[in-house]
């Protein structure tokens, strides 16, 4: 994000430590692969335990990872003593989530005192092909 200053080392450490405590992300095999102020990428691999009956990643699994990507993007623009909680999100499932791996990107659209507005996008990766499979709008509440 060009319009945000670089992320401080303390904020980077705090986000990595918080992510390491997320049992849901551990269960899904999600990894934090990119972190900048206002922007986060979480990646995970296809696994049978994450699929629905047709072998695609289940919508609930995709929503969970996108929600966390948006949440950590929001957290990256908050003061060190603050946290964030999702208060609303809407997901659009654009194509079957079919691929070897997936990248979920969270981006802050508008930081605010009372609401942080974020956007998420999920990409299915199959070899050297990428396909947008879901998008999310997520509103976060700064929690102290």
Protein backbone atom coordinates (compact mmCIF):
# COMPACT_ATOMS: atom_id res chain seq x y z
CA UNK A 1 0.00 0.00 0.00
CA UNK A 2 1.63 3.19 -1.18
CA UNK A 3 -0.33 5.52 1.09
CA UNK A 4 0.70 3.85 4.38
CA UNK A 5 4.11 4.29 6.02
CA UNK A 6 6.24 1.16 6.50
CA UNK A 7 5.30 -1.21 9.32
CA UNK A 8 7.43 -0.89 12.46
CA UNK A 9 9.36 -3.91 13.76
CA UNK A 10 7.23 -4.04 16.95
CA UNK A 11 4.02 -4.20 14.90
CA UNK A 12 5.47 -6.91 12.67
CA UNK A 13 6.45 -8.99 15.71
CA UNK A 14 3.04 -8.48 17.31
CA UNK A 15 1.18 -9.62 14.18
CA UNK A 16 3.39 -12.70 13.72
CA UNK A 17 2.92 -13.61 17.40
CA UNK A 18 -0.84 -13.15 17.16
CA UNK A 19 -1.04 -15.23 13.98
CA UNK A 20 0.94 -18.03 15.66
CA UNK A 21 -1.79 -18.22 18.34
CA UNK A 22 -4.60 -18.70 15.80
CA UNK A 23 -5.68 -22.31 16.18
CA UNK A 24 -8.05 -21.97 13.23
CA UNK A 25 -5.23 -20.92 10.90
CA UNK A 26 -3.06 -23.77 12.18
CA UNK A 27 -5.90 -26.23 11.56
CA UNK A 28 -6.32 -24.96 7.99
CA UNK A 29 -2.56 -24.95 7.36
CA UNK A 30 -2.56 -21.21 6.58
CA UNK A 31 0.75 -19.34 6.49
CA UNK A 32 1.42 -15.62 6.74
CA UNK A 33 3.44 -14.98 3.56
CA UNK A 34 3.29 -11.20 3.13
CA UNK A 35 2.93 -8.42 5.67
CA UNK A 36 3.03 -4.68 5.07
CA UNK A 37 1.08 -1.85 6.66
CA UNK A 38 -2.46 -2.23 5.36
CA UNK A 39 -1.79 -5.46 3.47
CA UNK A 40 -1.56 -9.15 4.35
CA UNK A 41 -1.33 -12.37 2.32
CA UNK A 42 -2.25 -15.73 3.83
CA UNK A 43 -1.60 -18.89 1.83
CA UNK A 44 -2.77 -22.47 2.28
CA UNK A 45 -2.67 -25.69 0.31
CA UNK A 46 -5.50 -27.86 -0.93
CA UNK A 47 -6.24 -30.68 1.51
CA UNK A 48 -9.11 -33.20 1.56
CA UNK A 49 -10.18 -32.06 5.06
CA UNK A 50 -10.89 -28.54 3.69
CA UNK A 51 -13.17 -29.58 0.83
CA UNK A 52 -16.86 -29.87 0.16
CA UNK A 53 -18.51 -32.81 -1.63
CA UNK A 54 -17.16 -31.88 -5.11
CA UNK A 55 -13.56 -31.60 -3.96
CA UNK A 56 -13.42 -27.79 -4.01
CA UNK A 57 -12.33 -25.80 -0.95
CA UNK A 58 -15.42 -25.34 1.21
CA UNK A 59 -16.83 -21.79 1.21
CA UNK A 60 -16.62 -21.69 5.01
CA UNK A 61 -12.91 -22.49 4.93
CA UNK A 62 -12.27 -19.80 2.32
CA UNK A 63 -14.32 -17.27 4.32
CA UNK A 64 -12.32 -18.10 7.45
CA UNK A 65 -8.95 -17.44 5.81
CA UNK A 66 -10.17 -14.29 4.03
CA UNK A 67 -11.59 -12.98 7.31
CA UNK A 68 -8.20 -13.45 8.98
CA UNK A 69 -6.36 -11.82 6.06
CA UNK A 70 -8.65 -8.79 6.31
CA UNK A 71 -8.33 -8.76 10.10
CA UNK A 72 -4.54 -8.77 10.09
CA UNK A 73 -4.43 -6.11 7.37
CA UNK A 74 -6.64 -3.99 9.65
CA UNK A 75 -4.50 -4.75 12.69
CA UNK A 76 -1.43 -3.55 10.80
CA UNK A 77 -2.78 0.03 10.74
CA UNK A 78 -3.87 0.09 14.40
CA UNK A 79 -1.88 1.35 17.40
CA UNK A 80 0.19 -1.34 19.13
CA UNK A 81 -2.16 -1.51 22.12
CA UNK A 82 -5.31 -1.99 19.98
CA UNK A 83 -6.80 -5.09 18.45
CA UNK A 84 -9.52 -5.66 15.87
CA UNK A 85 -12.66 -7.75 15.67
CA UNK A 86 -14.70 -8.43 12.55
CA UNK A 87 -18.17 -6.96 12.91
CA UNK A 88 -19.47 -7.68 9.42
CA UNK A 89 -18.36 -9.34 6.23
CA UNK A 90 -19.80 -10.31 2.90
CA UNK A 91 -18.19 -12.89 0.68
CA UNK A 92 -18.74 -13.33 -3.04
CA UNK A 93 -17.88 -16.79 -4.33
CA UNK A 94 -16.85 -16.13 -7.92
CA UNK A 95 -15.68 -19.57 -9.08
CA UNK A 96 -15.13 -23.04 -7.62
CA UNK A 97 -12.09 -22.96 -5.34
CA UNK A 98 -10.11 -25.54 -7.28
CA UNK A 99 -6.33 -25.48 -7.19
CA UNK A 100 -3.18 -26.82 -5.57
CA UNK A 101 -2.88 -23.81 -3.28
CA UNK A 102 -4.63 -20.57 -2.44
CA UNK A 103 -3.59 -17.00 -1.64
CA UNK A 104 -5.94 -14.80 0.38
CA UNK A 105 -5.08 -11.11 0.30
CA UNK A 106 -6.42 -8.58 2.78
CA UNK A 107 -6.12 -4.85 2.08
CA UNK A 108 -7.23 -1.84 4.14
CA UNK A 109 -9.46 0.44 2.11
CA UNK A 110 -10.13 2.97 4.88
CA UNK A 111 -8.73 3.01 8.39
CA UNK A 112 -10.92 4.75 10.91
CA UNK A 113 -11.32 5.48 14.61
CA UNK A 114 -14.47 3.38 14.93
CA UNK A 115 -14.55 1.19 11.80
CA UNK A 116 -11.75 -0.14 9.58
CA UNK A 117 -12.95 -1.08 6.08
CA UNK A 118 -11.03 -3.87 4.34
CA UNK A 119 -11.27 -5.91 1.18
CA UNK A 120 -10.18 -9.50 0.62
CA UNK A 121 -9.47 -11.49 -2.52
CA UNK A 122 -8.81 -15.20 -2.79
CA UNK A 123 -6.87 -16.72 -5.68
CA UNK A 124 -6.68 -20.39 -6.62
CA UNK A 125 -3.22 -21.33 -7.85
CA UNK A 126 -2.80 -24.32 -10.14
CA UNK A 127 0.72 -24.59 -11.52
CA UNK A 128 1.49 -21.19 -13.04
CA UNK A 129 -2.19 -20.26 -13.40
CA UNK A 130 -4.03 -18.03 -10.91
CA UNK A 131 -7.77 -17.48 -10.78
CA UNK A 132 -9.78 -15.11 -8.59
CA UNK A 133 -12.28 -17.35 -6.77
CA UNK A 134 -13.70 -15.13 -4.01
CA UNK A 135 -13.86 -11.56 -2.81
CA UNK A 136 -14.81 -10.18 0.59
CA UNK A 137 -15.75 -6.86 2.09
CA UNK A 138 -15.01 -6.83 5.81
CA UNK A 139 -15.62 -4.20 8.48
CA UNK A 140 -13.53 -4.32 11.62
CA UNK A 141 -14.03 -2.74 15.00
CA UNK A 142 -10.91 -1.50 16.79
CA UNK A 143 -10.90 -3.33 20.14
CA UNK A 144 -8.67 -2.33 23.04
